[in-house]
Amino acid sequence: MDKTKKKVYSPADLADAASDKYLGVLVAAKYARELNALPLERSPYGAEKLTTMALAALASGELDYRLVQRPTGAD
């Protein structure tokens, strides 16, 4: 059995870092996709699980984000 300690992020951890827990999950998922697009040797996290690393970056305040309004096409 694997005895490594795994970090679990609660919705409260994400709500503290973002305006709410749902936005926190979306921001972390987008960041994980960006990390996944990098070659493994350029990734700041190496071979660690990217979703966990993205959640950790958001929960710790290392990740800055901004919301961009999408055009509605009703112009």
C-alpha atoms as a PDB file:
ATOM      1  CA  MET A   1       0.000   0.000   0.000  1.00  0.00           C
ATOM      2  CA  ASP A   2       1.243   3.488  -0.857  1.00  0.00           C
ATOM      3  CA  LYS A   3       2.155   5.335   2.332  1.00  0.00           C
ATOM      4  CA  THR A   4       2.801   8.738   0.779  1.00  0.00           C
ATOM      5  CA  LYS A   5       0.809  11.589   2.264  1.00  0.00           C
ATOM      6  CA  LYS A   6      -1.744  12.996  -0.171  1.00  0.00           C
ATOM      7  CA  LYS A   7      -3.149  16.480   0.197  1.00  0.00           C
ATOM      8  CA  VAL A   8      -6.902  16.838  -0.085  1.00  0.00           C
ATOM      9  CA  TYR A   9      -8.333  20.251  -0.959  1.00  0.00           C
ATOM     10  CA  SER A  10     -11.750  21.094   0.410  1.00  0.00           C
ATOM     11  CA  PRO A  11     -14.262  23.442  -1.208  1.00  0.00           C
ATOM     12  CA  ALA A  12     -13.489  25.892   1.613  1.00  0.00           C
ATOM     13  CA  ASP A  13      -9.804  25.963   0.578  1.00  0.00           C
ATOM     14  CA  LEU A  14     -10.828  26.948  -2.939  1.00  0.00           C
ATOM     15  CA  ALA A  15     -13.471  29.425  -1.785  1.00  0.00           C
ATOM     16  CA  ASP A  16     -10.808  31.259   0.231  1.00  0.00           C
ATOM     17  CA  ALA A  17      -8.615  31.616  -2.871  1.00  0.00           C
ATOM     18  CA  ALA A  18     -11.403  32.435  -5.343  1.00  0.00           C
ATOM     19  CA  SER A  19     -14.740  34.172  -4.950  1.00  0.00           C
ATOM     20  CA  ASP A  20     -16.482  30.788  -4.598  1.00  0.00           C
ATOM     21  CA  LYS A  21     -15.684  27.081  -4.729  1.00  0.00           C
ATOM     22  CA  TYR A  22     -17.045  26.597  -8.256  1.00  0.00           C
ATOM     23  CA  LEU A  23     -14.850  29.345  -9.685  1.00  0.00           C
ATOM     24  CA  GLY A  24     -11.900  27.864  -7.803  1.00  0.00           C
ATOM     25  CA  VAL A  25     -12.400  24.486  -9.452  1.00  0.00           C
ATOM     26  CA  LEU A  26     -12.703  26.089 -12.893  1.00  0.00           C
ATOM     27  CA  VAL A  27      -9.551  28.177 -12.417  1.00  0.00           C
ATOM     28  CA  ALA A  28      -7.554  25.177 -11.165  1.00  0.00           C
ATOM     29  CA  ALA A  29      -8.781  23.010 -14.064  1.00  0.00           C
ATOM     30  CA  LYS A  30      -7.799  25.662 -16.611  1.00  0.00           C
ATOM     31  CA  TYR A  31      -4.363  25.999 -15.003  1.00  0.00           C
ATOM     32  CA  ALA A  32      -3.888  22.206 -15.022  1.00  0.00           C
ATOM     33  CA  ARG A  33      -4.687  22.182 -18.768  1.00  0.00           C
ATOM     34  CA  GLU A  34      -2.094  24.908 -19.324  1.00  0.00           C
ATOM     35  CA  LEU A  35       0.501  22.907 -17.363  1.00  0.00           C
ATOM     36  CA  ASN A  36      -0.380  19.786 -19.329  1.00  0.00           C
ATOM     37  CA  ALA A  37       0.340  21.625 -22.583  1.00  0.00           C
ATOM     38  CA  LEU A  38       3.948  22.203 -21.478  1.00  0.00           C
ATOM     39  CA  PRO A  39       6.584  19.598 -22.268  1.00  0.00           C
ATOM     40  CA  LEU A  40       7.321  17.555 -19.142  1.00  0.00           C
ATOM     41  CA  GLU A  41      10.856  18.916 -18.832  1.00  0.00           C
ATOM     42  CA  ARG A  42       9.515  22.522 -18.825  1.00  0.00           C
ATOM     43  CA  SER A  43       6.784  21.884 -16.283  1.00  0.00           C
ATOM     44  CA  PRO A  44       7.462  23.613 -12.965  1.00  0.00           C
ATOM     45  CA  TYR A  45       6.136  20.528 -11.148  1.00  0.00           C
ATOM     46  CA  GLY A  46       7.926  17.720 -12.965  1.00  0.00           C
ATOM     47  CA  ALA A  47       6.002  14.465 -13.035  1.00  0.00           C
ATOM     48  CA  GLU A  48       3.643  15.314 -10.158  1.00  0.00           C
ATOM     49  CA  LYS A  49      -0.105  15.060 -10.740  1.00  0.00           C
ATOM     50  CA  LEU A  50      -1.054  18.306 -12.461  1.00  0.00           C
ATOM     51  CA  THR A  51      -4.568  18.634 -11.065  1.00  0.00           C
ATOM     52  CA  THR A  52      -3.285  18.389  -7.496  1.00  0.00           C
ATOM     53  CA  MET A  53      -0.510  20.859  -8.239  1.00  0.00           C
ATOM     54  CA  ALA A  54      -2.994  23.316  -9.781  1.00  0.00           C
ATOM     55  CA  LEU A  55      -5.262  23.056  -6.725  1.00  0.00           C
ATOM     56  CA  ALA A  56      -2.254  23.589  -4.458  1.00  0.00           C
ATOM     57  CA  ALA A  57      -1.149  26.669  -6.412  1.00  0.00           C
ATOM     58  CA  LEU A  58      -4.625  28.182  -6.214  1.00  0.00           C
ATOM     59  CA  ALA A  59      -5.220  27.344  -2.547  1.00  0.00           C
ATOM     60  CA  SER A  60      -1.820  28.732  -1.503  1.00  0.00           C
ATOM     61  CA  GLY A  61      -2.311  32.004  -3.361  1.00  0.00           C
ATOM     62  CA  GLU A  62       0.534  31.389  -5.828  1.00  0.00           C
ATOM     63  CA  LEU A  63      -1.866  31.452  -8.765  1.00  0.00           C
ATOM     64  CA  ASP A  64      -3.192  34.806  -9.945  1.00  0.00           C
ATOM     65  CA  TYR A  65      -6.118  34.868 -12.332  1.00  0.00           C
ATOM     66  CA  ARG A  66      -8.538  37.315 -13.868  1.00  0.00           C
ATOM     67  CA  LEU A  67     -11.975  36.862 -15.335  1.00  0.00           C
ATOM     68  CA  VAL A  68     -12.470  37.910 -18.953  1.00  0.00           C
ATOM     69  CA  GLN A  69     -15.953  38.625 -20.256  1.00  0.00           C
ATOM     70  CA  ARG A  70     -16.681  36.692 -23.433  1.00  0.00           C
ATOM     71  CA  PRO A  71     -18.323  38.561 -26.279  1.00  0.00           C
ATOM     72  CA  THR A  72     -21.960  37.573 -26.606  1.00  0.00           C
ATOM     73  CA  GLY A  73     -22.184  38.075 -30.363  1.00  0.00           C
ATOM     74  CA  ALA A  74     -25.309  40.214 -29.964  1.00  0.00           C
ATOM     75  CA  ASP A  75     -23.587  43.321 -31.368  1.00  0.00           C
END
